[in-house]
PDB file of N, CA and C in Angstrom:
ATOM      1  N   UNK A   1      92.427 128.269 121.981  1.00  0.00           N
ATOM      2  CA  UNK A   1      93.760 128.069 121.443  1.00  0.00           C
ATOM      3  C   UNK A   1      94.041 129.185 120.440  1.00  0.00           C
ATOM      4  N   UNK A   2      95.207 129.791 120.525  1.00  0.00           N
ATOM      5  CA  UNK A   2      95.577 130.863 119.602  1.00  0.00           C
ATOM      6  C   UNK A   2      95.839 130.296 118.218  1.00  0.00           C
ATOM      7  N   UNK A   3      95.885 131.176 117.225  1.00  0.00           N
ATOM      8  CA  UNK A   3      96.183 130.734 115.858  1.00  0.00           C
ATOM      9  C   UNK A   3      97.550 130.059 115.785  1.00  0.00           C
ATOM     10  N   UNK A   4      98.542 130.626 116.500  1.00  0.00           N
ATOM     11  CA  UNK A   4      99.887 130.041 116.486  1.00  0.00           C
ATOM     12  C   UNK A   4      99.883 128.659 117.126  1.00  0.00           C
ATOM     13  N   UNK A   5      99.174 128.499 118.233  1.00  0.00           N
ATOM     14  CA  UNK A   5      99.096 127.198 118.892  1.00  0.00           C
ATOM     15  C   UNK A   5      98.384 126.180 117.997  1.00  0.00           C
ATOM     16  N   UNK A   6      97.313 126.620 117.344  1.00  0.00           N
ATOM     17  CA  UNK A   6      96.573 125.746 116.449  1.00  0.00           C
ATOM     18  C   UNK A   6      97.457 125.302 115.282  1.00  0.00           C
ATOM     19  N   UNK A   7      98.202 126.234 114.716  1.00  0.00           N
ATOM     20  CA  UNK A   7      99.112 125.912 113.616  1.00  0.00           C
ATOM     21  C   UNK A   7     100.184 124.939 114.090  1.00  0.00           C
ATOM     22  N   UNK A   8     100.727 125.166 115.285  1.00  0.00           N
ATOM     23  CA  UNK A   8     101.738 124.280 115.859  1.00  0.00           C
ATOM     24  C   UNK A   8     101.207 122.853 115.964  1.00  0.00           C
ATOM     25  N   UNK A   9     100.008 122.706 116.528  1.00  0.00           N
ATOM     26  CA  UNK A   9      99.408 121.381 116.699  1.00  0.00           C
ATOM     27  C   UNK A   9      99.167 120.728 115.343  1.00  0.00           C
ATOM     28  N   UNK A  10      98.690 121.489 114.375  1.00  0.00           N
ATOM     29  CA  UNK A  10      98.452 120.948 113.035  1.00  0.00           C
ATOM     30  C   UNK A  10      99.754 120.462 112.398  1.00  0.00           C
ATOM     31  N   UNK A  11     100.812 121.269 112.499  1.00  0.00           N
ATOM     32  CA  UNK A  11     102.089 120.879 111.911  1.00  0.00           C
ATOM     33  C   UNK A  11     102.661 119.647 112.604  1.00  0.00           C
ATOM     34  N   UNK A  12     102.638 119.628 113.930  1.00  0.00           N
ATOM     35  CA  UNK A  12     103.162 118.479 114.664  1.00  0.00           C
ATOM     36  C   UNK A  12     102.368 117.220 114.314  1.00  0.00           C
ATOM     37  N   UNK A  13     101.063 117.341 114.237  1.00  0.00           N
ATOM     38  CA  UNK A  13     100.229 116.191 113.889  1.00  0.00           C
ATOM     39  C   UNK A  13     100.528 115.687 112.481  1.00  0.00           C
ATOM     40  N   UNK A  14     100.765 116.599 111.549  1.00  0.00           N
ATOM     41  CA  UNK A  14     101.093 116.202 110.172  1.00  0.00           C
ATOM     42  C   UNK A  14     102.410 115.438 110.132  1.00  0.00           C
ATOM     43  N   UNK A  15     103.390 115.874 110.913  1.00  0.00           N
ATOM     44  CA  UNK A  15     104.673 115.159 110.970  1.00  0.00           C
ATOM     45  C   UNK A  15     104.502 113.777 111.584  1.00  0.00           C
ATOM     46  N   UNK A  16     103.690 113.687 112.633  1.00  0.00           N
ATOM     47  CA  UNK A  16     103.448 112.389 113.269  1.00  0.00           C
ATOM     48  C   UNK A  16     102.702 111.462 112.312  1.00  0.00           C
ATOM     49  N   UNK A  17     101.727 111.996 111.587  1.00  0.00           N
ATOM     50  CA  UNK A  17     101.008 111.182 110.603  1.00  0.00           C
ATOM     51  C   UNK A  17     101.965 110.627 109.550  1.00  0.00           C
ATOM     52  N   UNK A  18     102.861 111.479 109.061  1.00  0.00           N
ATOM     53  CA  UNK A  18     103.838 111.028 108.068  1.00  0.00           C
ATOM     54  C   UNK A  18     104.775 109.975 108.674  1.00  0.00           C
ATOM     55  N   UNK A  19     105.198 110.195 109.907  1.00  0.00           N
ATOM     56  CA  UNK A  19     106.062 109.219 110.585  1.00  0.00           C
ATOM     57  C   UNK A  19     105.346 107.881 110.731  1.00  0.00           C
ATOM     58  N   UNK A  20     104.070 107.921 111.062  1.00  0.00           N
ATOM     59  CA  UNK A  20     103.311 106.678 111.197  1.00  0.00           C
ATOM     60  C   UNK A  20     103.215 105.951 109.858  1.00  0.00           C
ATOM     61  N   UNK A  21     103.079 106.677 108.783  1.00  0.00           N
ATOM     62  CA  UNK A  21     103.055 106.057 107.460  1.00  0.00           C
ATOM     63  C   UNK A  21     104.397 105.383 107.159  1.00  0.00           C
ATOM     64  N   UNK A  22     105.483 106.096 107.418  1.00  0.00           N
ATOM     65  CA  UNK A  22     106.817 105.518 107.205  1.00  0.00           C
ATOM     66  C   UNK A  22     107.038 104.302 108.112  1.00  0.00           C
ATOM     67  N   UNK A  23     106.509 104.374 109.330  1.00  0.00           N
ATOM     68  CA  UNK A  23     106.684 103.294 110.283  1.00  0.00           C
ATOM     69  C   UNK A  23     106.075 101.974 109.843  1.00  0.00           C
ATOM     70  N   UNK A  24     105.111 102.038 108.944  1.00  0.00           N
ATOM     71  CA  UNK A  24     104.480 100.812 108.452  1.00  0.00           C
ATOM     72  C   UNK A  24     105.456  99.951 107.653  1.00  0.00           C
ATOM     73  N   UNK A  25     106.453 100.593 107.046  1.00  0.00           N
ATOM     74  CA  UNK A  25     107.406  99.831 106.227  1.00  0.00           C
ATOM     75  C   UNK A  25     108.841  99.897 106.748  1.00  0.00           C
ATOM     76  N   UNK A  26     109.157 100.931 107.520  1.00  0.00           N
ATOM     77  CA  UNK A  26     110.546 101.119 107.942  1.00  0.00           C
ATOM     78  C   UNK A  26     110.790 100.771 109.408  1.00  0.00           C
ATOM     79  N   UNK A  27     109.763 100.731 110.207  1.00  0.00           N
ATOM     80  CA  UNK A  27     109.933 100.473 111.631  1.00  0.00           C
ATOM     81  C   UNK A  27     110.131 101.757 112.421  1.00  0.00           C
ATOM     82  N   UNK A  28     109.654 101.739 113.652  1.00  0.00           N
ATOM     83  CA  UNK A  28     109.652 102.929 114.497  1.00  0.00           C
ATOM     84  C   UNK A  28     111.047 103.478 114.780  1.00  0.00           C
ATOM     85  N   UNK A  29     112.019 102.599 114.989  1.00  0.00           N
ATOM     86  CA  UNK A  29     113.363 103.073 115.333  1.00  0.00           C
ATOM     87  C   UNK A  29     113.992 103.863 114.189  1.00  0.00           C
ATOM     88  N   UNK A  30     113.916 103.329 112.971  1.00  0.00           N
ATOM     89  CA  UNK A  30     114.484 104.040 111.825  1.00  0.00           C
ATOM     90  C   UNK A  30     113.754 105.352 111.580  1.00  0.00           C
ATOM     91  N   UNK A  31     112.438 105.342 111.741  1.00  0.00           N
ATOM     92  CA  UNK A  31     111.660 106.570 111.571  1.00  0.00           C
ATOM     93  C   UNK A  31     112.082 107.606 112.610  1.00  0.00           C
ATOM     94  N   UNK A  32     112.245 107.198 113.844  1.00  0.00           N
ATOM     95  CA  UNK A  32     112.666 108.126 114.902  1.00  0.00           C
ATOM     96  C   UNK A  32     114.044 108.716 114.618  1.00  0.00           C
ATOM     97  N   UNK A  33     114.960 107.885 114.138  1.00  0.00           N
ATOM     98  CA  UNK A  33     116.298 108.380 113.798  1.00  0.00           C
ATOM     99  C   UNK A  33     116.202 109.415 112.676  1.00  0.00           C
ATOM    100  N   UNK A  34     115.397 109.113 111.656  1.00  0.00           N
ATOM    101  CA  UNK A  34     115.234 110.043 110.536  1.00  0.00           C
ATOM    102  C   UNK A  34     114.606 111.350 110.984  1.00  0.00           C
ATOM    103  N   UNK A  35     113.608 111.277 111.847  1.00  0.00           N
ATOM    104  CA  UNK A  35     112.959 112.492 112.354  1.00  0.00           C
ATOM    105  C   UNK A  35     113.942 113.319 113.174  1.00  0.00           C
ATOM    106  N   UNK A  36     114.706 112.667 114.032  1.00  0.00           N
ATOM    107  CA  UNK A  36     115.691 113.407 114.840  1.00  0.00           C
ATOM    108  C   UNK A  36     116.743 114.070 113.957  1.00  0.00           C
ATOM    109  N   UNK A  37     117.185 113.364 112.934  1.00  0.00           N
ATOM    110  CA  UNK A  37     118.151 113.939 111.995  1.00  0.00           C
ATOM    111  C   UNK A  37     117.549 115.164 111.312  1.00  0.00           C
ATOM    112  N   UNK A  38     116.335 115.022 110.816  1.00  0.00           N
ATOM    113  CA  UNK A  38     115.678 116.133 110.129  1.00  0.00           C
ATOM    114  C   UNK A  38     115.446 117.313 111.078  1.00  0.00           C
ATOM    115  N   UNK A  39     115.054 117.027 112.316  1.00  0.00           N
ATOM    116  CA  UNK A  39     114.821 118.091 113.290  1.00  0.00           C
ATOM    117  C   UNK A  39     116.110 118.844 113.602  1.00  0.00           C
ATOM    118  N   UNK A  40     117.207 118.108 113.759  1.00  0.00           N
ATOM    119  CA  UNK A  40     118.497 118.751 114.030  1.00  0.00           C
ATOM    120  C   UNK A  40     118.925 119.622 112.854  1.00  0.00           C
ATOM    121  N   UNK A  41     118.767 119.081 111.659  1.00  0.00           N
ATOM    122  CA  UNK A  41     119.151 119.841 110.460  1.00  0.00           C
ATOM    123  C   UNK A  41     118.304 121.094 110.323  1.00  0.00           C
ATOM    124  N   UNK A  42     116.996 120.967 110.547  1.00  0.00           N
ATOM    125  CA  UNK A  42     116.117 122.130 110.398  1.00  0.00           C
ATOM    126  C   UNK A  42     116.369 123.140 111.519  1.00  0.00           C
ATOM    127  N   UNK A  43     116.668 122.679 112.712  1.00  0.00           N
ATOM    128  CA  UNK A  43     116.969 123.604 113.813  1.00  0.00           C
ATOM    129  C   UNK A  43     118.215 124.421 113.501  1.00  0.00           C
ATOM    130  N   UNK A  44     119.241 123.778 112.944  1.00  0.00           N
ATOM    131  CA  UNK A  44     120.452 124.520 112.560  1.00  0.00           C
ATOM    132  C   UNK A  44     120.127 125.539 111.470  1.00  0.00           C
ATOM    133  N   UNK A  45     119.308 125.135 110.501  1.00  0.00           N
ATOM    134  CA  UNK A  45     118.870 126.061 109.450  1.00  0.00           C
ATOM    135  C   UNK A  45     118.096 127.231 110.051  1.00  0.00           C
ATOM    136  N   UNK A  46     117.191 126.940 111.001  1.00  0.00           N
ATOM    137  CA  UNK A  46     116.382 127.976 111.641  1.00  0.00           C
ATOM    138  C   UNK A  46     117.258 129.041 112.277  1.00  0.00           C
ATOM    139  N   UNK A  47     118.351 128.630 112.909  1.00  0.00           N
ATOM    140  CA  UNK A  47     119.255 129.602 113.534  1.00  0.00           C
ATOM    141  C   UNK A  47     119.844 130.528 112.481  1.00  0.00           C
ATOM    142  N   UNK A  48     120.191 129.984 111.315  1.00  0.00           N
ATOM    143  CA  UNK A  48     120.763 130.834 110.256  1.00  0.00           C
ATOM    144  C   UNK A  48     119.751 131.844 109.752  1.00  0.00           C
ATOM    145  N   UNK A  49     118.467 131.522 109.885  1.00  0.00           N
ATOM    146  CA  UNK A  49     117.412 132.418 109.403  1.00  0.00           C
ATOM    147  C   UNK A  49     116.958 133.429 110.445  1.00  0.00           C
ATOM    148  N   UNK A  50     117.018 133.054 111.716  1.00  0.00           N
ATOM    149  CA  UNK A  50     116.464 133.918 112.767  1.00  0.00           C
ATOM    150  C   UNK A  50     117.515 134.607 113.626  1.00  0.00           C
ATOM    151  N   UNK A  51     118.710 134.036 113.717  1.00  0.00           N
ATOM    152  CA  UNK A  51     119.750 134.594 114.571  1.00  0.00           C
ATOM    153  C   UNK A  51     121.120 134.503 113.901  1.00  0.00           C
ATOM    154  N   UNK A  52     121.251 134.934 112.646  1.00  0.00           N
ATOM    155  CA  UNK A  52     122.518 134.722 111.931  1.00  0.00           C
ATOM    156  C   UNK A  52     123.727 135.356 112.617  1.00  0.00           C
ATOM    157  N   UNK A  53     123.516 136.461 113.289  1.00  0.00           N
ATOM    158  CA  UNK A  53     124.644 137.124 113.948  1.00  0.00           C
ATOM    159  C   UNK A  53     125.151 136.325 115.147  1.00  0.00           C
ATOM    160  N   UNK A  54     124.329 135.430 115.664  1.00  0.00           N
ATOM    161  CA  UNK A  54     124.717 134.608 116.816  1.00  0.00           C
ATOM    162  C   UNK A  54     125.227 133.234 116.410  1.00  0.00           C
ATOM    163  N   UNK A  55     125.150 132.913 115.135  1.00  0.00           N
ATOM    164  CA  UNK A  55     125.440 131.567 114.648  1.00  0.00           C
ATOM    165  C   UNK A  55     126.773 131.027 115.153  1.00  0.00           C
ATOM    166  N   UNK A  56     127.822 131.784 115.021  1.00  0.00           N
ATOM    167  CA  UNK A  56     129.155 131.349 115.442  1.00  0.00           C
ATOM    168  C   UNK A  56     129.422 131.756 116.885  1.00  0.00           C
ATOM    169  N   UNK A  57     129.111 132.989 117.207  1.00  0.00           N
ATOM    170  CA  UNK A  57     129.436 133.546 118.518  1.00  0.00           C
ATOM    171  C   UNK A  57     128.791 132.781 119.670  1.00  0.00           C
ATOM    172  N   UNK A  58     127.528 132.389 119.509  1.00  0.00           N
ATOM    173  CA  UNK A  58     126.780 131.785 120.614  1.00  0.00           C
ATOM    174  C   UNK A  58     126.404 130.330 120.362  1.00  0.00           C
ATOM    175  N   UNK A  59     127.226 129.644 119.599  1.00  0.00           N
ATOM    176  CA  UNK A  59     126.924 128.261 119.219  1.00  0.00           C
ATOM    177  C   UNK A  59     126.549 127.397 120.417  1.00  0.00           C
ATOM    178  N   UNK A  60     127.391 127.347 121.435  1.00  0.00           N
ATOM    179  CA  UNK A  60     127.139 126.460 122.574  1.00  0.00           C
ATOM    180  C   UNK A  60     125.848 126.820 123.293  1.00  0.00           C
ATOM    181  N   UNK A  61     125.583 128.110 123.469  1.00  0.00           N
ATOM    182  CA  UNK A  61     124.355 128.530 124.148  1.00  0.00           C
ATOM    183  C   UNK A  61     123.123 128.148 123.332  1.00  0.00           C
ATOM    184  N   UNK A  62     123.196 128.315 122.031  1.00  0.00           N
ATOM    185  CA  UNK A  62     122.064 127.976 121.171  1.00  0.00           C
ATOM    186  C   UNK A  62     121.840 126.469 121.168  1.00  0.00           C
ATOM    187  N   UNK A  63     122.902 125.691 121.013  1.00  0.00           N
ATOM    188  CA  UNK A  63     122.772 124.233 121.012  1.00  0.00           C
ATOM    189  C   UNK A  63     122.223 123.762 122.363  1.00  0.00           C
ATOM    190  N   UNK A  64     122.716 124.329 123.439  1.00  0.00           N
ATOM    191  CA  UNK A  64     122.227 123.962 124.771  1.00  0.00           C
ATOM    192  C   UNK A  64     120.741 124.264 124.901  1.00  0.00           C
ATOM    193  N   UNK A  65     120.321 125.431 124.445  1.00  0.00           N
ATOM    194  CA  UNK A  65     118.901 125.803 124.514  1.00  0.00           C
ATOM    195  C   UNK A  65     118.046 124.819 123.715  1.00  0.00           C
ATOM    196  N   UNK A  66     118.474 124.488 122.512  1.00  0.00           N
ATOM    197  CA  UNK A  66     117.703 123.573 121.677  1.00  0.00           C
ATOM    198  C   UNK A  66     117.644 122.174 122.283  1.00  0.00           C
ATOM    199  N   UNK A  67     118.767 121.700 122.809  1.00  0.00           N
ATOM    200  CA  UNK A  67     118.802 120.373 123.445  1.00  0.00           C
ATOM    201  C   UNK A  67     117.915 120.363 124.693  1.00  0.00           C
ATOM    202  N   UNK A  68     117.958 121.431 125.473  1.00  0.00           N
ATOM    203  CA  UNK A  68     117.115 121.510 126.672  1.00  0.00           C
ATOM    204  C   UNK A  68     115.632 121.494 126.302  1.00  0.00           C
ATOM    205  N   UNK A  69     115.262 122.212 125.238  1.00  0.00           N
ATOM    206  CA  UNK A  69     113.871 122.217 124.791  1.00  0.00           C
ATOM    207  C   UNK A  69     113.447 120.818 124.350  1.00  0.00           C
ATOM    208  N   UNK A  70     114.309 120.139 123.597  1.00  0.00           N
ATOM    209  CA  UNK A  70     114.014 118.775 123.153  1.00  0.00           C
ATOM    210  C   UNK A  70     113.867 117.850 124.357  1.00  0.00           C
ATOM    211  N   UNK A  71     114.785 117.953 125.303  1.00  0.00           N
ATOM    212  CA  UNK A  71     114.743 117.110 126.497  1.00  0.00           C
ATOM    213  C   UNK A  71     113.426 117.317 127.252  1.00  0.00           C
ATOM    214  N   UNK A  72     112.995 118.564 127.396  1.00  0.00           N
ATOM    215  CA  UNK A  72     111.735 118.847 128.089  1.00  0.00           C
ATOM    216  C   UNK A  72     110.550 118.199 127.366  1.00  0.00           C
ATOM    217  N   UNK A  73     110.507 118.325 126.036  1.00  0.00           N
ATOM    218  CA  UNK A  73     109.416 117.726 125.267  1.00  0.00           C
ATOM    219  C   UNK A  73     109.461 116.202 125.352  1.00  0.00           C
ATOM    220  N   UNK A  74     110.655 115.632 125.240  1.00  0.00           N
ATOM    221  CA  UNK A  74     110.802 114.180 125.311  1.00  0.00           C
ATOM    222  C   UNK A  74     110.356 113.666 126.677  1.00  0.00           C
ATOM    223  N   UNK A  75     110.767 114.318 127.744  1.00  0.00           N
ATOM    224  CA  UNK A  75     110.364 113.897 129.082  1.00  0.00           C
ATOM    225  C   UNK A  75     108.854 113.972 129.256  1.00  0.00           C
ATOM    226  N   UNK A  76     108.241 115.019 128.749  1.00  0.00           N
ATOM    227  CA  UNK A  76     106.788 115.177 128.853  1.00  0.00           C
ATOM    228  C   UNK A  76     106.071 114.024 128.156  1.00  0.00           C
ATOM    229  N   UNK A  77     106.468 113.734 126.934  1.00  0.00           N
ATOM    230  CA  UNK A  77     105.802 112.676 126.185  1.00  0.00           C
ATOM    231  C   UNK A  77     106.144 111.293 126.739  1.00  0.00           C
ATOM    232  N   UNK A  78     107.369 111.097 127.162  1.00  0.00           N
ATOM    233  CA  UNK A  78     107.780 109.831 127.769  1.00  0.00           C
ATOM    234  C   UNK A  78     106.918 109.541 129.000  1.00  0.00           C
ATOM    235  N   UNK A  79     106.739 110.585 129.843  1.00  0.00           N
ATOM    236  CA  UNK A  79     105.920 110.421 131.044  1.00  0.00           C
ATOM    237  C   UNK A  79     104.484 110.042 130.690  1.00  0.00           C
ATOM    238  N   UNK A  80     103.953 110.606 129.605  1.00  0.00           N
ATOM    239  CA  UNK A  80     102.596 110.261 129.177  1.00  0.00           C
ATOM    240  C   UNK A  80     102.505 108.789 128.785  1.00  0.00           C
ATOM    241  N   UNK A  81     103.531 108.283 128.086  1.00  0.00           N
ATOM    242  CA  UNK A  81     103.532 106.869 127.705  1.00  0.00           C
ATOM    243  C   UNK A  81     103.710 105.962 128.915  1.00  0.00           C
ATOM    244  N   UNK A  82     104.509 106.382 129.887  1.00  0.00           N
ATOM    245  CA  UNK A  82     104.673 105.594 131.115  1.00  0.00           C
ATOM    246  C   UNK A  82     103.328 105.500 131.847  1.00  0.00           C
ATOM    247  N   UNK A  83     102.630 106.625 131.976  1.00  0.00           N
ATOM    248  CA  UNK A  83     101.319 106.612 132.659  1.00  0.00           C
ATOM    249  C   UNK A  83     100.338 105.711 131.920  1.00  0.00           C
ATOM    250  N   UNK A  84     100.332 105.777 130.607  1.00  0.00           N
ATOM    251  CA  UNK A  84      99.429 104.924 129.828  1.00  0.00           C
ATOM    252  C   UNK A  84      99.772 103.460 130.009  1.00  0.00           C
ATOM    253  N   UNK A  85     101.054 103.136 130.049  1.00  0.00           N
ATOM    254  CA  UNK A  85     101.491 101.752 130.222  1.00  0.00           C
ATOM    255  C   UNK A  85     101.112 101.242 131.627  1.00  0.00           C
ATOM    256  N   UNK A  86     101.203 102.117 132.597  1.00  0.00           N
ATOM    257  CA  UNK A  86     100.857 101.718 133.970  1.00  0.00           C
ATOM    258  C   UNK A  86      99.365 101.424 134.115  1.00  0.00           C
ATOM    259  N   UNK A  87      98.547 102.107 133.326  1.00  0.00           N
ATOM    260  CA  UNK A  87      97.093 101.886 133.370  1.00  0.00           C
ATOM    261  C   UNK A  87      96.693 100.625 132.621  1.00  0.00           C
ATOM    262  N   UNK A  88      97.518 100.190 131.702  1.00  0.00           N
ATOM    263  CA  UNK A  88      97.151  99.025 130.874  1.00  0.00           C
ATOM    264  C   UNK A  88      97.275  97.726 131.624  1.00  0.00           C
TER     265      UNK A  88
END
């Protein structure tokens, strides 16, 4: 695993750990809503930092790309939970 991949896994795991802690008192649905809100806000911020010249001009293309990436990740993880449920 490359350093970037290792860092990615560490960061994602840290966010999931924090979400699990919040889930003990707030419930999974509220935690998921909060995470999605934070992810959307940070993604918009990321565009201002990495592609400021495209911020207005390419809004729809950027939003579409980000939504497509999220959809791909969600489908991947959803499928993993479906397979686990089928084995149970």
